[in-house]
Amino acid sequence: MIYFVGNKNGMEYDIVNREGYKFLHIPSHGFVGKSLYIKIKALMYNKISFMISVFYIMKYKPAFVIGTGSFTEIPVGLASAFTGTPLFITEQDSYPGIATRMLSIFAKKVFLSYENSVQYLKRKDNTEVAGTLSKVSKTKKTEDEIKIELGIKRRMKVILIFGGSRGARAINSVMLEILKSGLPKDIFIIWQTGKDNYEEIKRESPDFNGIIKPFIYNMPEIYSIADLVIARAGACTLAEMSDYRKAAILIPFPSAAHDHQRKNAAYYESYGAAVVMDERELDAQKLKSKIMELIYNEKRLKEMGNKSHNLHNPDSVDKVVKTILRSVRYV
């Protein structure tokens, strides 16, 4: 049996329940970059979360615990160390988050996505570079079938835009301006706004060739037909784009903890796999200009997609799973 532990107010609650797994709630709160009041509040909630996590571990007796690097990992990881339950950590970003840096000293193994990440950890002997964890879900539909279902003409250029599960207000605002200024009729936009301001965007957007969704569940199908992706620079997002060989315009979230998204994006840009734009200097004209520069350059889009693919290990999940099971003597 697999149990997921997290805060039910997060997007993971909907996803886990949708997939039919058991979700165990803890009231954990993030504290990096927050006000003093929020930090004190988070400390209290995380103490409670630690005690609840100990209870969960004692009740369900897991063979091991896997942490994925979020603030939720801290109380659960400490509970695993307290109870003597083997802890494994997967770190997706190039700069390890505070949870990984704190808990790595207790972990049986820390799986990193990038080789240069190990320098930020006090303990080095339990690290292994496995690559970013992602899963390529192949669709049974052809690209033509998917486009027909969405009303996309065969020769149209498709741009996928998203800012994460909750959306990105800055990207949404700029895209709204771009649509109001007009795009060529052979460009089709697939836009995931996130749930937070979907209704506002839907209400204000003009008629255009494309669709707007608060959240896209059939992402493998959409990735398969996209010519260009405009997105944040979270590690999992980059891994997905690498898996599907997609060129991207990356707009890192400037308030991400320890500026890890900018570092992720810079890594991809340094290999020619993406173009990076700073949100603080972003406006509709600059983004539209970059879109028009790339979208009709098929050769460059293909080269960027191939370079992106080379930066990611598609077998990372298998590698991590096999290592964990061998460590706890399941195989």
C-alpha atoms as a PDB file:
ATOM      1  CA  MET A   1       0.000   0.000   0.000  1.00  0.00           C
ATOM      2  CA  ILE A   2       1.241   3.483  -0.901  1.00  0.00           C
ATOM      3  CA  TYR A   3       0.263   6.502   1.212  1.00  0.00           C
ATOM      4  CA  PHE A   4       0.762  10.143   0.243  1.00  0.00           C
ATOM      5  CA  VAL A   5       1.264  12.707   3.001  1.00  0.00           C
ATOM      6  CA  GLY A   6       0.635  16.398   2.404  1.00  0.00           C
ATOM      7  CA  ASN A   7      -1.518  19.434   3.019  1.00  0.00           C
ATOM      8  CA  LYS A   8      -5.038  18.979   1.669  1.00  0.00           C
ATOM      9  CA  ASN A   9      -5.111  22.631   0.611  1.00  0.00           C
ATOM     10  CA  GLY A  10      -2.472  21.927  -2.003  1.00  0.00           C
ATOM     11  CA  MET A  11      -2.956  20.757  -5.590  1.00  0.00           C
ATOM     12  CA  GLU A  12      -1.521  17.362  -4.653  1.00  0.00           C
ATOM     13  CA  TYR A  13      -4.690  16.563  -2.715  1.00  0.00           C
ATOM     14  CA  ASP A  14      -6.819  16.723  -5.872  1.00  0.00           C
ATOM     15  CA  ILE A  15      -4.285  14.792  -7.951  1.00  0.00           C
ATOM     16  CA  VAL A  16      -3.773  11.977  -5.416  1.00  0.00           C
ATOM     17  CA  ASN A  17      -7.506  11.517  -4.908  1.00  0.00           C
ATOM     18  CA  ARG A  18      -8.067  11.568  -8.646  1.00  0.00           C
ATOM     19  CA  GLU A  19      -5.590   8.707  -9.017  1.00  0.00           C
ATOM     20  CA  GLY A  20      -7.261   6.692  -6.240  1.00  0.00           C
ATOM     21  CA  TYR A  21      -4.478   6.695  -3.626  1.00  0.00           C
ATOM     22  CA  LYS A  22      -4.831   7.251   0.123  1.00  0.00           C
ATOM     23  CA  PHE A  23      -4.029  10.847   1.174  1.00  0.00           C
ATOM     24  CA  LEU A  24      -2.915  11.553   4.743  1.00  0.00           C
ATOM     25  CA  HIS A  25      -3.307  15.209   5.759  1.00  0.00           C
ATOM     26  CA  ILE A  26      -0.869  17.243   7.856  1.00  0.00           C
ATOM     27  CA  PRO A  27      -1.297  21.014   8.444  1.00  0.00           C
ATOM     28  CA  SER A  28       2.277  21.863   7.402  1.00  0.00           C
ATOM     29  CA  HIS A  29       3.128  25.386   6.218  1.00  0.00           C
ATOM     30  CA  GLY A  30       5.996  26.831   4.189  1.00  0.00           C
ATOM     31  CA  PHE A  31       8.150  29.518   5.805  1.00  0.00           C
ATOM     32  CA  VAL A  32      10.952  30.471   3.380  1.00  0.00           C
ATOM     33  CA  GLY A  33      10.568  34.086   2.298  1.00  0.00           C
ATOM     34  CA  LYS A  34       7.551  34.636   4.557  1.00  0.00           C
ATOM     35  CA  SER A  35       6.899  37.330   7.174  1.00  0.00           C
ATOM     36  CA  LEU A  36       7.862  36.832  10.818  1.00  0.00           C
ATOM     37  CA  TYR A  37       4.220  36.191  11.716  1.00  0.00           C
ATOM     38  CA  ILE A  38       3.875  33.498   9.032  1.00  0.00           C
ATOM     39  CA  LYS A  39       7.164  31.918  10.109  1.00  0.00           C
ATOM     40  CA  ILE A  40       5.990  31.645  13.727  1.00  0.00           C
ATOM     41  CA  LYS A  41       2.661  30.260  12.565  1.00  0.00           C
ATOM     42  CA  ALA A  42       4.452  27.776  10.267  1.00  0.00           C
ATOM     43  CA  LEU A  43       6.677  26.629  13.135  1.00  0.00           C
ATOM     44  CA  MET A  44       3.622  25.818  15.244  1.00  0.00           C
ATOM     45  CA  TYR A  45       1.875  23.975  12.414  1.00  0.00           C
ATOM     46  CA  ASN A  46       5.014  22.046  11.527  1.00  0.00           C
ATOM     47  CA  LYS A  47       5.452  20.905  15.143  1.00  0.00           C
ATOM     48  CA  ILE A  48       1.901  19.581  15.017  1.00  0.00           C
ATOM     49  CA  SER A  49       2.631  18.009  11.622  1.00  0.00           C
ATOM     50  CA  PHE A  50       5.677  16.244  13.075  1.00  0.00           C
ATOM     51  CA  MET A  51       3.569  14.642  15.822  1.00  0.00           C
ATOM     52  CA  ILE A  52       0.879  13.638  13.331  1.00  0.00           C
ATOM     53  CA  SER A  53       3.549  12.188  11.017  1.00  0.00           C
ATOM     54  CA  VAL A  54       4.960  10.088  13.874  1.00  0.00           C
ATOM     55  CA  PHE A  55       1.430   8.810  14.479  1.00  0.00           C
ATOM     56  CA  TYR A  56       1.004   7.922  10.784  1.00  0.00           C
ATOM     57  CA  ILE A  57       4.326   6.058  10.705  1.00  0.00           C
ATOM     58  CA  MET A  58       3.539   4.143  13.887  1.00  0.00           C
ATOM     59  CA  LYS A  59       0.073   3.279  12.570  1.00  0.00           C
ATOM     60  CA  TYR A  60       0.888   2.275   8.989  1.00  0.00           C
ATOM     61  CA  LYS A  61       4.486   1.037   9.587  1.00  0.00           C
ATOM     62  CA  PRO A  62       5.908   1.920   6.145  1.00  0.00           C
ATOM     63  CA  ALA A  63       8.997   0.078   4.919  1.00  0.00           C
ATOM     64  CA  PHE A  64      10.472   3.452   3.961  1.00  0.00           C
ATOM     65  CA  VAL A  65       9.608   7.120   3.449  1.00  0.00           C
ATOM     66  CA  ILE A  66      10.284   9.100   0.268  1.00  0.00           C
ATOM     67  CA  GLY A  67      10.578  12.890   0.470  1.00  0.00           C
ATOM     68  CA  THR A  68      10.147  15.049  -2.616  1.00  0.00           C
ATOM     69  CA  GLY A  69      11.648  18.297  -1.410  1.00  0.00           C
ATOM     70  CA  SER A  70       8.635  20.427  -0.422  1.00  0.00           C
ATOM     71  CA  PHE A  71       8.040  22.017   2.997  1.00  0.00           C
ATOM     72  CA  THR A  72       5.757  19.069   3.775  1.00  0.00           C
ATOM     73  CA  GLU A  73       8.835  16.857   3.712  1.00  0.00           C
ATOM     74  CA  ILE A  74      10.375  18.419   6.819  1.00  0.00           C
ATOM     75  CA  PRO A  75       7.962  17.133   9.507  1.00  0.00           C
ATOM     76  CA  VAL A  76       7.549  13.781   7.735  1.00  0.00           C
ATOM     77  CA  GLY A  77      11.299  13.377   7.239  1.00  0.00           C
ATOM     78  CA  LEU A  78      12.031  14.230  10.873  1.00  0.00           C
ATOM     79  CA  ALA A  79       9.344  11.757  11.931  1.00  0.00           C
ATOM     80  CA  SER A  80      10.985   9.033   9.845  1.00  0.00           C
ATOM     81  CA  ALA A  81      14.352   9.761  11.477  1.00  0.00           C
ATOM     82  CA  PHE A  82      12.724   9.785  14.931  1.00  0.00           C
ATOM     83  CA  THR A  83      11.088   6.389  14.352  1.00  0.00           C
ATOM     84  CA  GLY A  84      14.094   4.835  12.604  1.00  0.00           C
ATOM     85  CA  THR A  85      12.260   4.443   9.294  1.00  0.00           C
ATOM     86  CA  PRO A  86      14.569   4.575   6.234  1.00  0.00           C
ATOM     87  CA  LEU A  87      14.326   7.961   4.520  1.00  0.00           C
ATOM     88  CA  PHE A  88      15.002   8.575   0.828  1.00  0.00           C
ATOM     89  CA  ILE A  89      14.984  12.049  -0.715  1.00  0.00           C
ATOM     90  CA  THR A  90      14.501  13.098  -4.328  1.00  0.00           C
ATOM     91  CA  GLU A  91      15.701  16.614  -5.118  1.00  0.00           C
ATOM     92  CA  GLN A  92      14.479  18.007  -8.418  1.00  0.00           C
ATOM     93  CA  ASP A  93      16.065  21.462  -8.478  1.00  0.00           C
ATOM     94  CA  SER A  94      19.647  22.424  -9.252  1.00  0.00           C
ATOM     95  CA  TYR A  95      19.879  24.209  -5.890  1.00  0.00           C
ATOM     96  CA  PRO A  96      18.566  21.887  -3.155  1.00  0.00           C
ATOM     97  CA  GLY A  97      15.759  23.305  -1.067  1.00  0.00           C
ATOM     98  CA  ILE A  98      15.958  23.777   2.680  1.00  0.00           C
ATOM     99  CA  ALA A  99      14.092  20.495   3.291  1.00  0.00           C
ATOM    100  CA  THR A 100      16.674  18.510   1.349  1.00  0.00           C
ATOM    101  CA  ARG A 101      19.606  20.315   2.939  1.00  0.00           C
ATOM    102  CA  MET A 102      18.192  19.808   6.415  1.00  0.00           C
ATOM    103  CA  LEU A 103      17.131  16.172   6.060  1.00  0.00           C
ATOM    104  CA  SER A 104      19.982  14.892   3.885  1.00  0.00           C
ATOM    105  CA  ILE A 105      22.069  14.120   6.979  1.00  0.00           C
ATOM    106  CA  PHE A 106      19.411  11.597   8.075  1.00  0.00           C
ATOM    107  CA  ALA A 107      18.666  10.124   4.658  1.00  0.00           C
ATOM    108  CA  LYS A 108      19.735   6.683   3.508  1.00  0.00           C
ATOM    109  CA  LYS A 109      20.051   8.088  -0.014  1.00  0.00           C
ATOM    110  CA  VAL A 110      19.571  11.497  -1.663  1.00  0.00           C
ATOM    111  CA  PHE A 111      18.753  11.339  -5.375  1.00  0.00           C
ATOM    112  CA  LEU A 112      19.824  14.478  -7.224  1.00  0.00           C
ATOM    113  CA  SER A 113      18.829  15.776 -10.644  1.00  0.00           C
ATOM    114  CA  TYR A 114      22.054  17.679 -11.323  1.00  0.00           C
ATOM    115  CA  GLU A 115      25.683  16.847 -10.605  1.00  0.00           C
ATOM    116  CA  ASN A 116      26.494  20.321  -9.285  1.00  0.00           C
ATOM    117  CA  SER A 117      23.816  20.019  -6.562  1.00  0.00           C
ATOM    118  CA  VAL A 118      25.989  17.860  -4.297  1.00  0.00           C
ATOM    119  CA  GLN A 119      28.197  20.837  -3.376  1.00  0.00           C
ATOM    120  CA  TYR A 120      25.337  22.366  -1.368  1.00  0.00           C
ATOM    121  CA  LEU A 121      24.909  19.349   0.924  1.00  0.00           C
ATOM    122  CA  LYS A 122      26.914  18.784   4.107  1.00  0.00           C
ATOM    123  CA  ARG A 123      26.896  15.034   3.635  1.00  0.00           C
ATOM    124  CA  LYS A 124      28.197  13.713   0.296  1.00  0.00           C
ATOM    125  CA  ASP A 125      28.464   9.955   0.794  1.00  0.00           C
ATOM    126  CA  ASN A 126      24.738   9.246   0.452  1.00  0.00           C
ATOM    127  CA  THR A 127      24.098  11.164  -2.777  1.00  0.00           C
ATOM    128  CA  GLU A 128      23.432   9.811  -6.252  1.00  0.00           C
ATOM    129  CA  VAL A 129      22.704  11.679  -9.489  1.00  0.00           C
ATOM    130  CA  ALA A 130      19.628  10.033 -10.994  1.00  0.00           C
ATOM    131  CA  GLY A 131      18.052  12.836 -13.004  1.00  0.00           C
ATOM    132  CA  THR A 132      14.689  14.532 -12.536  1.00  0.00           C
ATOM    133  CA  LEU A 133      11.842  12.137 -11.883  1.00  0.00           C
ATOM    134  CA  SER A 134       9.225  12.172 -14.613  1.00  0.00           C
ATOM    135  CA  LYS A 135       7.044   9.782 -16.503  1.00  0.00           C
ATOM    136  CA  VAL A 136       6.411   9.871 -20.234  1.00  0.00           C
ATOM    137  CA  SER A 137       2.811   8.836 -20.784  1.00  0.00           C
ATOM    138  CA  LYS A 138       2.333   7.938 -24.407  1.00  0.00           C
ATOM    139  CA  THR A 139      -0.998   8.699 -25.975  1.00  0.00           C
ATOM    140  CA  LYS A 140      -2.660   6.213 -28.302  1.00  0.00           C
ATOM    141  CA  LYS A 141      -3.991   9.047 -30.431  1.00  0.00           C
ATOM    142  CA  THR A 142      -2.116  10.451 -33.399  1.00  0.00           C
ATOM    143  CA  GLU A 143      -1.260  14.141 -33.567  1.00  0.00           C
ATOM    144  CA  ASP A 144      -3.845  14.605 -36.307  1.00  0.00           C
ATOM    145  CA  GLU A 145      -6.541  12.968 -34.173  1.00  0.00           C
ATOM    146  CA  ILE A 146      -5.739  15.204 -31.205  1.00  0.00           C
ATOM    147  CA  LYS A 147      -5.768  18.318 -33.375  1.00  0.00           C
ATOM    148  CA  ILE A 148      -9.098  17.365 -34.938  1.00  0.00           C
ATOM    149  CA  GLU A 149     -10.637  16.917 -31.482  1.00  0.00           C
ATOM    150  CA  LEU A 150      -9.431  20.384 -30.464  1.00  0.00           C
ATOM    151  CA  GLY A 151     -10.395  22.057 -33.710  1.00  0.00           C
ATOM    152  CA  ILE A 152      -6.810  22.739 -34.782  1.00  0.00           C
ATOM    153  CA  LYS A 153      -6.075  22.857 -38.498  1.00  0.00           C
ATOM    154  CA  ARG A 154      -3.166  20.679 -39.619  1.00  0.00           C
ATOM    155  CA  ARG A 155      -0.748  23.486 -40.557  1.00  0.00           C
ATOM    156  CA  MET A 156      -1.397  25.616 -37.488  1.00  0.00           C
ATOM    157  CA  LYS A 157       1.413  26.370 -35.037  1.00  0.00           C
ATOM    158  CA  VAL A 158       0.533  25.299 -31.499  1.00  0.00           C
ATOM    159  CA  ILE A 159       1.756  27.145 -28.390  1.00  0.00           C
ATOM    160  CA  LEU A 160       1.240  25.650 -24.913  1.00  0.00           C
ATOM    161  CA  ILE A 161       1.199  28.170 -22.066  1.00  0.00           C
ATOM    162  CA  PHE A 162       1.061  27.360 -18.374  1.00  0.00           C
ATOM    163  CA  GLY A 163       2.396  28.640 -15.072  1.00  0.00           C
ATOM    164  CA  GLY A 164       1.920  25.667 -12.798  1.00  0.00           C
ATOM    165  CA  SER A 165      -1.166  24.158 -11.198  1.00  0.00           C
ATOM    166  CA  ARG A 166      -2.217  27.421  -9.527  1.00  0.00           C
ATOM    167  CA  GLY A 167      -1.237  29.531 -12.508  1.00  0.00           C
ATOM    168  CA  ALA A 168       1.069  32.530 -12.849  1.00  0.00           C
ATOM    169  CA  ARG A 169      -0.649  35.906 -12.726  1.00  0.00           C
ATOM    170  CA  ALA A 170       2.258  37.729 -14.405  1.00  0.00           C
ATOM    171  CA  ILE A 171       2.294  35.339 -17.382  1.00  0.00           C
ATOM    172  CA  ASN A 172      -1.493  35.382 -17.595  1.00  0.00           C
ATOM    173  CA  SER A 173      -1.602  39.189 -17.632  1.00  0.00           C
ATOM    174  CA  VAL A 174       0.996  39.472 -20.392  1.00  0.00           C
ATOM    175  CA  MET A 175      -0.678  36.776 -22.489  1.00  0.00           C
ATOM    176  CA  LEU A 176      -3.997  38.588 -22.157  1.00  0.00           C
ATOM    177  CA  GLU A 177      -2.366  41.733 -23.568  1.00  0.00           C
ATOM    178  CA  ILE A 178      -0.820  39.742 -26.414  1.00  0.00           C
ATOM    179  CA  LEU A 179      -4.169  38.226 -27.377  1.00  0.00           C
ATOM    180  CA  LYS A 180      -5.809  41.646 -27.312  1.00  0.00           C
ATOM    181  CA  SER A 181      -3.104  42.976 -29.659  1.00  0.00           C
ATOM    182  CA  GLY A 182      -3.701  40.020 -31.994  1.00  0.00           C
ATOM    183  CA  LEU A 183      -1.722  37.020 -33.213  1.00  0.00           C
ATOM    184  CA  PRO A 184      -1.526  35.497 -36.720  1.00  0.00           C
ATOM    185  CA  LYS A 185      -4.504  33.276 -37.497  1.00  0.00           C
ATOM    186  CA  ASP A 186      -2.298  30.222 -38.008  1.00  0.00           C
ATOM    187  CA  ILE A 187      -1.231  30.232 -34.338  1.00  0.00           C
ATOM    188  CA  PHE A 188      -3.338  28.160 -31.935  1.00  0.00           C
ATOM    189  CA  ILE A 189      -3.016  28.842 -28.199  1.00  0.00           C
ATOM    190  CA  ILE A 190      -3.571  26.197 -25.498  1.00  0.00           C
ATOM    191  CA  TRP A 191      -3.569  28.139 -22.246  1.00  0.00           C
ATOM    192  CA  GLN A 192      -3.677  26.710 -18.730  1.00  0.00           C
ATOM    193  CA  THR A 193      -4.402  29.685 -16.505  1.00  0.00           C
ATOM    194  CA  GLY A 194      -4.495  27.866 -13.177  1.00  0.00           C
ATOM    195  CA  LYS A 195      -7.530  27.906 -10.945  1.00  0.00           C
ATOM    196  CA  ASP A 196      -6.824  31.174  -9.144  1.00  0.00           C
ATOM    197  CA  ASN A 197      -7.757  33.630 -11.878  1.00  0.00           C
ATOM    198  CA  TYR A 198      -9.321  31.425 -14.550  1.00  0.00           C
ATOM    199  CA  GLU A 199     -12.718  33.133 -14.395  1.00  0.00           C
ATOM    200  CA  GLU A 200     -11.131  36.578 -14.647  1.00  0.00           C
ATOM    201  CA  ILE A 201      -9.042  35.599 -17.684  1.00  0.00           C
ATOM    202  CA  LYS A 202     -11.976  33.853 -19.339  1.00  0.00           C
ATOM    203  CA  ARG A 203     -14.115  36.948 -18.887  1.00  0.00           C
ATOM    204  CA  GLU A 204     -11.537  39.423 -20.192  1.00  0.00           C
ATOM    205  CA  SER A 205      -9.995  37.463 -23.061  1.00  0.00           C
ATOM    206  CA  PRO A 206     -10.966  38.394 -26.634  1.00  0.00           C
ATOM    207  CA  ASP A 207     -11.896  35.869 -29.308  1.00  0.00           C
ATOM    208  CA  PHE A 208      -8.802  34.017 -30.498  1.00  0.00           C
ATOM    209  CA  ASN A 209      -7.699  30.723 -31.998  1.00  0.00           C
ATOM    210  CA  GLY A 210      -7.262  28.578 -28.951  1.00  0.00           C
ATOM    211  CA  ILE A 211      -8.654  27.229 -25.715  1.00  0.00           C
ATOM    212  CA  ILE A 212      -8.405  28.303 -22.070  1.00  0.00           C
ATOM    213  CA  LYS A 213      -8.468  25.781 -19.229  1.00  0.00           C
ATOM    214  CA  PRO A 214      -7.939  26.161 -15.461  1.00  0.00           C
ATOM    215  CA  PHE A 215      -6.012  22.882 -15.485  1.00  0.00           C
ATOM    216  CA  ILE A 216      -5.006  20.422 -18.212  1.00  0.00           C
ATOM    217  CA  TYR A 217      -5.268  16.754 -17.261  1.00  0.00           C
ATOM    218  CA  ASN A 218      -4.393  15.292 -20.680  1.00  0.00           C
ATOM    219  CA  MET A 219      -0.967  16.922 -20.764  1.00  0.00           C
ATOM    220  CA  PRO A 220       0.731  14.097 -22.746  1.00  0.00           C
ATOM    221  CA  GLU A 221      -1.648  14.739 -25.643  1.00  0.00           C
ATOM    222  CA  ILE A 222      -1.069  18.487 -25.497  1.00  0.00           C
ATOM    223  CA  TYR A 223       2.705  18.143 -25.280  1.00  0.00           C
ATOM    224  CA  SER A 224       2.671  15.871 -28.319  1.00  0.00           C
ATOM    225  CA  ILE A 225       1.160  18.572 -30.555  1.00  0.00           C
ATOM    226  CA  ALA A 226       2.867  21.680 -29.098  1.00  0.00           C
ATOM    227  CA  ASP A 227       5.479  23.444 -31.218  1.00  0.00           C
ATOM    228  CA  LEU A 228       6.541  25.808 -28.431  1.00  0.00           C
ATOM    229  CA  VAL A 229       6.033  25.891 -24.659  1.00  0.00           C
ATOM    230  CA  ILE A 230       5.878  29.010 -22.493  1.00  0.00           C
ATOM    231  CA  ALA A 231       6.185  28.138 -18.819  1.00  0.00           C
ATOM    232  CA  ARG A 232       7.853  28.568 -15.453  1.00  0.00           C
ATOM    233  CA  ALA A 233      11.107  26.729 -14.760  1.00  0.00           C
ATOM    234  CA  GLY A 234      10.257  24.199 -12.086  1.00  0.00           C
ATOM    235  CA  ALA A 235      12.341  21.042 -12.328  1.00  0.00           C
ATOM    236  CA  CYS A 236       9.419  18.758 -13.145  1.00  0.00           C
ATOM    237  CA  THR A 237       8.203  21.113 -15.865  1.00  0.00           C
ATOM    238  CA  LEU A 238      11.665  21.080 -17.434  1.00  0.00           C
ATOM    239  CA  ALA A 239      11.826  17.292 -17.227  1.00  0.00           C
ATOM    240  CA  GLU A 240       8.489  16.972 -19.020  1.00  0.00           C
ATOM    241  CA  MET A 241       9.605  19.320 -21.774  1.00  0.00           C
ATOM    242  CA  SER A 242      12.812  17.321 -22.121  1.00  0.00           C
ATOM    243  CA  ASP A 243      10.904  14.051 -22.329  1.00  0.00           C
ATOM    244  CA  TYR A 244       8.719  15.382 -25.133  1.00  0.00           C
ATOM    245  CA  ARG A 245      11.580  17.236 -26.903  1.00  0.00           C
ATOM    246  CA  LYS A 246       9.946  20.650 -26.644  1.00  0.00           C
ATOM    247  CA  ALA A 247      11.516  24.050 -27.195  1.00  0.00           C
ATOM    248  CA  ALA A 248      10.581  26.560 -24.525  1.00  0.00           C
ATOM    249  CA  ILE A 249      10.443  30.160 -23.455  1.00  0.00           C
ATOM    250  CA  LEU A 250      11.057  29.988 -19.715  1.00  0.00           C
ATOM    251  CA  ILE A 251       9.872  32.698 -17.321  1.00  0.00           C
ATOM    252  CA  PRO A 252      11.216  31.718 -13.883  1.00  0.00           C
ATOM    253  CA  PHE A 253       9.153  32.550 -10.820  1.00  0.00           C
ATOM    254  CA  PRO A 254      11.225  35.377  -9.254  1.00  0.00           C
ATOM    255  CA  SER A 255      10.072  34.622  -5.696  1.00  0.00           C
ATOM    256  CA  ALA A 256      10.908  30.908  -5.772  1.00  0.00           C
ATOM    257  CA  ALA A 257      12.814  29.762  -2.709  1.00  0.00           C
ATOM    258  CA  HIS A 258      16.558  30.416  -3.105  1.00  0.00           C
ATOM    259  CA  ASP A 259      15.868  31.565  -6.692  1.00  0.00           C
ATOM    260  CA  HIS A 260      16.022  27.915  -7.801  1.00  0.00           C
ATOM    261  CA  GLN A 261      13.832  28.424 -10.882  1.00  0.00           C
ATOM    262  CA  ARG A 262      16.205  31.006 -12.325  1.00  0.00           C
ATOM    263  CA  LYS A 263      19.088  28.599 -11.790  1.00  0.00           C
ATOM    264  CA  ASN A 264      17.147  25.765 -13.434  1.00  0.00           C
ATOM    265  CA  ALA A 265      16.301  27.959 -16.416  1.00  0.00           C
ATOM    266  CA  ALA A 266      19.865  29.237 -16.771  1.00  0.00           C
ATOM    267  CA  TYR A 267      21.101  25.643 -16.908  1.00  0.00           C
ATOM    268  CA  TYR A 268      18.783  24.849 -19.822  1.00  0.00           C
ATOM    269  CA  GLU A 269      19.551  28.100 -21.609  1.00  0.00           C
ATOM    270  CA  SER A 270      23.300  27.497 -21.322  1.00  0.00           C
ATOM    271  CA  TYR A 271      22.854  24.340 -23.416  1.00  0.00           C
ATOM    272  CA  GLY A 272      20.665  26.045 -26.014  1.00  0.00           C
ATOM    273  CA  ALA A 273      17.576  24.145 -24.892  1.00  0.00           C
ATOM    274  CA  ALA A 274      15.478  27.170 -23.961  1.00  0.00           C
ATOM    275  CA  VAL A 275      15.176  30.938 -24.045  1.00  0.00           C
ATOM    276  CA  VAL A 276      14.876  32.657 -20.662  1.00  0.00           C
ATOM    277  CA  MET A 277      12.963  35.876 -19.995  1.00  0.00           C
ATOM    278  CA  ASP A 278      13.041  37.730 -16.660  1.00  0.00           C
ATOM    279  CA  GLU A 279       9.546  38.307 -15.296  1.00  0.00           C
ATOM    280  CA  ARG A 280      10.620  41.620 -13.775  1.00  0.00           C
ATOM    281  CA  GLU A 281      11.424  42.948 -17.252  1.00  0.00           C
ATOM    282  CA  LEU A 282       8.620  41.145 -19.053  1.00  0.00           C
ATOM    283  CA  ASP A 283       5.984  42.925 -21.106  1.00  0.00           C
ATOM    284  CA  ALA A 284       3.610  41.929 -23.898  1.00  0.00           C
ATOM    285  CA  GLN A 285       5.742  43.394 -26.672  1.00  0.00           C
ATOM    286  CA  LYS A 286       8.911  41.563 -25.612  1.00  0.00           C
ATOM    287  CA  LEU A 287       7.187  38.199 -25.216  1.00  0.00           C
ATOM    288  CA  LYS A 288       5.245  38.545 -28.458  1.00  0.00           C
ATOM    289  CA  SER A 289       8.447  39.446 -30.293  1.00  0.00           C
ATOM    290  CA  LYS A 290      10.182  36.344 -28.916  1.00  0.00           C
ATOM    291  CA  ILE A 291       7.220  34.160 -29.854  1.00  0.00           C
ATOM    292  CA  MET A 292       7.240  35.435 -33.429  1.00  0.00           C
ATOM    293  CA  GLU A 293      11.019  34.962 -33.597  1.00  0.00           C
ATOM    294  CA  LEU A 294      10.737  31.280 -32.691  1.00  0.00           C
ATOM    295  CA  ILE A 295       7.391  29.884 -33.767  1.00  0.00           C
ATOM    296  CA  TYR A 296       8.060  29.835 -37.515  1.00  0.00           C
ATOM    297  CA  ASN A 297      11.695  28.737 -37.188  1.00  0.00           C
ATOM    298  CA  GLU A 298      11.123  24.975 -37.360  1.00  0.00           C
ATOM    299  CA  LYS A 299      14.841  24.170 -37.527  1.00  0.00           C
ATOM    300  CA  ARG A 300      15.633  26.078 -34.345  1.00  0.00           C
ATOM    301  CA  LEU A 301      12.620  24.653 -32.502  1.00  0.00           C
ATOM    302  CA  LYS A 302      13.733  21.140 -33.378  1.00  0.00           C
ATOM    303  CA  GLU A 303      17.323  21.824 -32.300  1.00  0.00           C
ATOM    304  CA  MET A 304      16.164  23.277 -28.978  1.00  0.00           C
ATOM    305  CA  GLY A 305      13.894  20.294 -28.387  1.00  0.00           C
ATOM    306  CA  ASN A 306      16.690  17.808 -29.070  1.00  0.00           C
ATOM    307  CA  LYS A 307      19.105  19.667 -26.787  1.00  0.00           C
ATOM    308  CA  SER A 308      16.462  19.720 -24.070  1.00  0.00           C
ATOM    309  CA  HIS A 309      15.987  15.965 -24.444  1.00  0.00           C
ATOM    310  CA  ASN A 310      19.714  15.397 -23.936  1.00  0.00           C
ATOM    311  CA  LEU A 311      19.624  17.110 -20.530  1.00  0.00           C
ATOM    312  CA  HIS A 312      17.286  14.604 -18.926  1.00  0.00           C
ATOM    313  CA  ASN A 313      17.546  10.907 -18.054  1.00  0.00           C
ATOM    314  CA  PRO A 314      14.226   9.260 -19.044  1.00  0.00           C
ATOM    315  CA  ASP A 315      15.088   6.189 -16.922  1.00  0.00           C
ATOM    316  CA  SER A 316      15.438   8.167 -13.688  1.00  0.00           C
ATOM    317  CA  VAL A 317      12.291   6.729 -12.097  1.00  0.00           C
ATOM    318  CA  ASP A 318      13.379   3.122 -12.689  1.00  0.00           C
ATOM    319  CA  LYS A 319      16.820   3.907 -11.338  1.00  0.00           C
ATOM    320  CA  VAL A 320      15.470   5.440  -8.135  1.00  0.00           C
ATOM    321  CA  VAL A 321      12.894   2.697  -7.532  1.00  0.00           C
ATOM    322  CA  LYS A 322      15.399  -0.133  -8.030  1.00  0.00           C
ATOM    323  CA  THR A 323      17.965   1.544  -5.758  1.00  0.00           C
ATOM    324  CA  ILE A 324      15.410   2.026  -2.982  1.00  0.00           C
ATOM    325  CA  LEU A 325      14.093  -1.527  -3.179  1.00  0.00           C
ATOM    326  CA  ARG A 326      17.620  -2.949  -3.120  1.00  0.00           C
ATOM    327  CA  SER A 327      18.480  -0.757  -0.134  1.00  0.00           C
ATOM    328  CA  VAL A 328      15.582  -2.087   1.896  1.00  0.00           C
ATOM    329  CA  ARG A 329      16.162  -5.608   0.490  1.00  0.00           C
ATOM    330  CA  TYR A 330      12.927  -5.941  -1.424  1.00  0.00           C
ATOM    331  CA  VAL A 331      14.776  -7.135  -4.572  1.00  0.00           C
END
